[in-house]
């Protein structure tokens, strides 16, 4: 669902001298929320990426900041030990996967979090965390456990 008010809120934020500090507060909330679900699952945070390595490959959840400083995008990746994307029926293709591209039921990308939204509507962050916990982690776990050999 597209938020028609987001542009107006971004404009107000751009003219608010307090926004840089608010952006960092939102960033901190995002990192803490993701670490709370990924850390217990065996993912280790290095800078802006949580990684987990097994014999089947490396899964990663990466936070990609918008170059203009308005939002952050959660990007998923899995690579085999030889550095390739998995040859697996559940892999949607390509190297990086956004939450909306992977989950067909998402009307918009729940993995793109506007900093102003994280502060004003924390439920958007809760939704992203729920998707990570309930859908992404089991999907990654299946890739780690059931990765078929490449032919």
C-alpha atoms as a PDB file:
ATOM      1  CA  UNK A   1       0.000   0.000   0.000  1.00  0.00           C
ATOM      2  CA  UNK A   2       1.514   3.309  -1.125  1.00  0.00           C
ATOM      3  CA  UNK A   3       1.607   6.110   1.457  1.00  0.00           C
ATOM      4  CA  UNK A   4       0.670   9.391  -0.295  1.00  0.00           C
ATOM      5  CA  UNK A   5       1.689  11.362   2.776  1.00  0.00           C
ATOM      6  CA  UNK A   6       5.254   9.996   2.870  1.00  0.00           C
ATOM      7  CA  UNK A   7       6.563  12.619   0.431  1.00  0.00           C
ATOM      8  CA  UNK A   8       5.146  15.416   2.571  1.00  0.00           C
ATOM      9  CA  UNK A   9       6.640  13.890   5.717  1.00  0.00           C
ATOM     10  CA  UNK A  10      10.021  13.527   3.997  1.00  0.00           C
ATOM     11  CA  UNK A  11       9.844  17.176   2.950  1.00  0.00           C
ATOM     12  CA  UNK A  12       9.123  18.241   6.538  1.00  0.00           C
ATOM     13  CA  UNK A  13      11.955  16.045   7.783  1.00  0.00           C
ATOM     14  CA  UNK A  14      14.375  17.561   5.255  1.00  0.00           C
ATOM     15  CA  UNK A  15      13.668  20.968   6.764  1.00  0.00           C
ATOM     16  CA  UNK A  16      13.779  19.809  10.368  1.00  0.00           C
ATOM     17  CA  UNK A  17      17.175  20.363  12.010  1.00  0.00           C
ATOM     18  CA  UNK A  18      16.361  17.526  14.431  1.00  0.00           C
ATOM     19  CA  UNK A  19      15.919  14.963  11.625  1.00  0.00           C
ATOM     20  CA  UNK A  20      19.550  13.742  11.450  1.00  0.00           C
ATOM     21  CA  UNK A  21      19.382  12.761  15.124  1.00  0.00           C
ATOM     22  CA  UNK A  22      15.937  11.212  14.610  1.00  0.00           C
ATOM     23  CA  UNK A  23      17.235   9.249  11.619  1.00  0.00           C
ATOM     24  CA  UNK A  24      20.012   7.791  13.786  1.00  0.00           C
ATOM     25  CA  UNK A  25      17.469   6.953  16.491  1.00  0.00           C
ATOM     26  CA  UNK A  26      15.363   5.119  13.903  1.00  0.00           C
ATOM     27  CA  UNK A  27      18.479   3.355  12.583  1.00  0.00           C
ATOM     28  CA  UNK A  28      19.285   2.196  16.116  1.00  0.00           C
ATOM     29  CA  UNK A  29      15.766   0.841  16.561  1.00  0.00           C
ATOM     30  CA  UNK A  30      15.980  -1.054  13.267  1.00  0.00           C
ATOM     31  CA  UNK A  31      19.357  -2.609  14.105  1.00  0.00           C
ATOM     32  CA  UNK A  32      18.192  -3.575  17.602  1.00  0.00           C
ATOM     33  CA  UNK A  33      14.948  -5.113  16.318  1.00  0.00           C
ATOM     34  CA  UNK A  34      16.679  -7.158  13.623  1.00  0.00           C
ATOM     35  CA  UNK A  35      19.471  -8.209  15.958  1.00  0.00           C
ATOM     36  CA  UNK A  36      16.827  -9.395  18.432  1.00  0.00           C
ATOM     37  CA  UNK A  37      15.499 -11.912  15.915  1.00  0.00           C
ATOM     38  CA  UNK A  38      18.636 -12.730  13.912  1.00  0.00           C
ATOM     39  CA  UNK A  39      21.161 -13.006  16.756  1.00  0.00           C
ATOM     40  CA  UNK A  40      19.379 -15.874  18.537  1.00  0.00           C
ATOM     41  CA  UNK A  41      19.138 -17.671  15.168  1.00  0.00           C
ATOM     42  CA  UNK A  42      22.927 -17.737  14.872  1.00  0.00           C
ATOM     43  CA  UNK A  43      23.468 -14.679  12.697  1.00  0.00           C
ATOM     44  CA  UNK A  44      26.443 -12.460  13.481  1.00  0.00           C
ATOM     45  CA  UNK A  45      26.294  -8.726  12.812  1.00  0.00           C
ATOM     46  CA  UNK A  46      29.230  -7.216  10.934  1.00  0.00           C
ATOM     47  CA  UNK A  47      28.704  -3.517  10.172  1.00  0.00           C
ATOM     48  CA  UNK A  48      25.313  -3.551   8.383  1.00  0.00           C
ATOM     49  CA  UNK A  49      24.975  -7.259   7.584  1.00  0.00           C
ATOM     50  CA  UNK A  50      23.996 -10.294   9.641  1.00  0.00           C
ATOM     51  CA  UNK A  51      25.644 -13.477   8.335  1.00  0.00           C
ATOM     52  CA  UNK A  52      25.340 -17.174   9.011  1.00  0.00           C
ATOM     53  CA  UNK A  53      27.732 -19.661   7.436  1.00  0.00           C
ATOM     54  CA  UNK A  54      27.243 -23.430   7.169  1.00  0.00           C
ATOM     55  CA  UNK A  55      28.609 -26.135   4.892  1.00  0.00           C
ATOM     56  CA  UNK A  56      25.738 -25.399   2.460  1.00  0.00           C
ATOM     57  CA  UNK A  57      26.597 -21.717   2.097  1.00  0.00           C
ATOM     58  CA  UNK A  58      26.216 -18.276   3.565  1.00  0.00           C
ATOM     59  CA  UNK A  59      22.940 -16.501   4.243  1.00  0.00           C
ATOM     60  CA  UNK A  60      22.845 -12.782   4.889  1.00  0.00           C
ATOM     61  CA  UNK A  61      20.409 -10.087   5.904  1.00  0.00           C
ATOM     62  CA  UNK A  62      21.767  -6.706   4.873  1.00  0.00           C
ATOM     63  CA  UNK A  63      20.595  -3.196   5.712  1.00  0.00           C
ATOM     64  CA  UNK A  64      21.060  -0.969   2.678  1.00  0.00           C
ATOM     65  CA  UNK A  65      20.707   2.728   3.475  1.00  0.00           C
ATOM     66  CA  UNK A  66      19.115   4.982   0.882  1.00  0.00           C
ATOM     67  CA  UNK A  67      21.705   7.365  -0.515  1.00  0.00           C
ATOM     68  CA  UNK A  68      19.450  10.317   0.310  1.00  0.00           C
ATOM     69  CA  UNK A  69      19.033   9.242   3.923  1.00  0.00           C
ATOM     70  CA  UNK A  70      15.278   8.665   3.952  1.00  0.00           C
ATOM     71  CA  UNK A  71      14.994   4.946   4.375  1.00  0.00           C
ATOM     72  CA  UNK A  72      16.707   1.602   4.689  1.00  0.00           C
ATOM     73  CA  UNK A  73      16.045  -1.541   2.701  1.00  0.00           C
ATOM     74  CA  UNK A  74      16.341  -5.069   4.068  1.00  0.00           C
ATOM     75  CA  UNK A  75      18.076  -7.224   1.464  1.00  0.00           C
ATOM     76  CA  UNK A  76      18.381 -11.019   1.626  1.00  0.00           C
ATOM     77  CA  UNK A  77      21.125 -13.097   0.052  1.00  0.00           C
ATOM     78  CA  UNK A  78      22.233 -16.706   0.010  1.00  0.00           C
ATOM     79  CA  UNK A  79      25.398 -17.900  -1.704  1.00  0.00           C
ATOM     80  CA  UNK A  80      26.752 -21.405  -2.001  1.00  0.00           C
ATOM     81  CA  UNK A  81      30.332 -22.231  -0.964  1.00  0.00           C
ATOM     82  CA  UNK A  82      31.412 -21.622  -4.575  1.00  0.00           C
ATOM     83  CA  UNK A  83      29.890 -18.109  -4.488  1.00  0.00           C
ATOM     84  CA  UNK A  84      26.843 -18.849  -6.644  1.00  0.00           C
ATOM     85  CA  UNK A  85      23.150 -18.350  -5.933  1.00  0.00           C
ATOM     86  CA  UNK A  86      21.499 -21.604  -4.895  1.00  0.00           C
ATOM     87  CA  UNK A  87      20.219 -24.008  -7.527  1.00  0.00           C
ATOM     88  CA  UNK A  88      17.116 -24.599  -5.462  1.00  0.00           C
ATOM     89  CA  UNK A  89      13.430 -24.555  -6.418  1.00  0.00           C
ATOM     90  CA  UNK A  90      12.619 -22.103  -3.614  1.00  0.00           C
ATOM     91  CA  UNK A  91      15.217 -19.521  -4.686  1.00  0.00           C
ATOM     92  CA  UNK A  92      13.440 -16.730  -6.594  1.00  0.00           C
ATOM     93  CA  UNK A  93      16.472 -15.927  -8.760  1.00  0.00           C
ATOM     94  CA  UNK A  94      18.994 -13.127  -8.809  1.00  0.00           C
ATOM     95  CA  UNK A  95      21.547 -12.371  -6.133  1.00  0.00           C
ATOM     96  CA  UNK A  96      19.640 -10.081  -3.781  1.00  0.00           C
ATOM     97  CA  UNK A  97      16.038 -10.572  -2.730  1.00  0.00           C
ATOM     98  CA  UNK A  98      13.817  -7.877  -1.229  1.00  0.00           C
ATOM     99  CA  UNK A  99      11.036  -8.953   1.095  1.00  0.00           C
ATOM    100  CA  UNK A 100       8.328  -7.852  -1.356  1.00  0.00           C
ATOM    101  CA  UNK A 101       9.940  -9.669  -4.284  1.00  0.00           C
ATOM    102  CA  UNK A 102      10.090 -12.923  -2.333  1.00  0.00           C
ATOM    103  CA  UNK A 103       6.722 -12.823  -0.574  1.00  0.00           C
ATOM    104  CA  UNK A 104       3.935 -12.638  -3.138  1.00  0.00           C
ATOM    105  CA  UNK A 105       1.326 -11.535  -0.615  1.00  0.00           C
ATOM    106  CA  UNK A 106       3.156  -8.262   0.146  1.00  0.00           C
ATOM    107  CA  UNK A 107       1.336  -5.321  -1.487  1.00  0.00           C
ATOM    108  CA  UNK A 108       4.380  -3.115  -0.973  1.00  0.00           C
ATOM    109  CA  UNK A 109       7.897  -3.842   0.209  1.00  0.00           C
ATOM    110  CA  UNK A 110       7.668  -4.340   3.979  1.00  0.00           C
ATOM    111  CA  UNK A 111      11.455  -4.448   3.970  1.00  0.00           C
ATOM    112  CA  UNK A 112      11.860  -0.814   2.931  1.00  0.00           C
ATOM    113  CA  UNK A 113      11.553   1.201   6.120  1.00  0.00           C
ATOM    114  CA  UNK A 114      11.305   4.976   6.006  1.00  0.00           C
ATOM    115  CA  UNK A 115      13.066   6.416   9.034  1.00  0.00           C
ATOM    116  CA  UNK A 116      10.142   8.764   9.705  1.00  0.00           C
ATOM    117  CA  UNK A 117       7.792   5.762   9.697  1.00  0.00           C
ATOM    118  CA  UNK A 118       9.917   3.779  12.143  1.00  0.00           C
ATOM    119  CA  UNK A 119       9.560   6.631  14.623  1.00  0.00           C
ATOM    120  CA  UNK A 120       5.919   7.531  13.885  1.00  0.00           C
ATOM    121  CA  UNK A 121       4.513   4.065  13.093  1.00  0.00           C
ATOM    122  CA  UNK A 122       6.603   1.388  14.835  1.00  0.00           C
ATOM    123  CA  UNK A 123       4.222  -1.290  13.530  1.00  0.00           C
ATOM    124  CA  UNK A 124       5.994  -1.109  10.147  1.00  0.00           C
ATOM    125  CA  UNK A 125       9.182  -2.331  11.854  1.00  0.00           C
ATOM    126  CA  UNK A 126       7.197  -4.980  13.726  1.00  0.00           C
ATOM    127  CA  UNK A 127       5.850  -6.264  10.396  1.00  0.00           C
ATOM    128  CA  UNK A 128       9.348  -6.569   8.919  1.00  0.00           C
ATOM    129  CA  UNK A 129      10.601  -8.392  12.030  1.00  0.00           C
ATOM    130  CA  UNK A 130       7.615 -10.769  11.943  1.00  0.00           C
ATOM    131  CA  UNK A 131       8.319 -11.609   8.286  1.00  0.00           C
ATOM    132  CA  UNK A 132      11.972 -12.237   9.097  1.00  0.00           C
ATOM    133  CA  UNK A 133      11.090 -14.496  12.027  1.00  0.00           C
ATOM    134  CA  UNK A 134       8.184 -16.382  10.479  1.00  0.00           C
ATOM    135  CA  UNK A 135       9.179 -16.630   6.816  1.00  0.00           C
ATOM    136  CA  UNK A 136      12.777 -15.647   6.077  1.00  0.00           C
ATOM    137  CA  UNK A 137      14.533 -17.591   8.829  1.00  0.00           C
ATOM    138  CA  UNK A 138      12.716 -20.876   8.025  1.00  0.00           C
ATOM    139  CA  UNK A 139      13.451 -20.302   4.326  1.00  0.00           C
ATOM    140  CA  UNK A 140      17.147 -19.705   5.021  1.00  0.00           C
ATOM    141  CA  UNK A 141      17.226 -22.712   7.341  1.00  0.00           C
ATOM    142  CA  UNK A 142      15.808 -24.921   4.574  1.00  0.00           C
ATOM    143  CA  UNK A 143      18.492 -23.652   2.190  1.00  0.00           C
ATOM    144  CA  UNK A 144      21.175 -24.401   4.792  1.00  0.00           C
ATOM    145  CA  UNK A 145      19.790 -27.896   5.489  1.00  0.00           C
ATOM    146  CA  UNK A 146      18.403 -29.064   2.175  1.00  0.00           C
ATOM    147  CA  UNK A 147      20.719 -27.429  -0.329  1.00  0.00           C
ATOM    148  CA  UNK A 148      20.864 -29.816  -3.311  1.00  0.00           C
ATOM    149  CA  UNK A 149      24.194 -30.330  -5.064  1.00  0.00           C
ATOM    150  CA  UNK A 150      24.861 -28.202  -8.147  1.00  0.00           C
ATOM    151  CA  UNK A 151      24.930 -30.037 -11.446  1.00  0.00           C
END
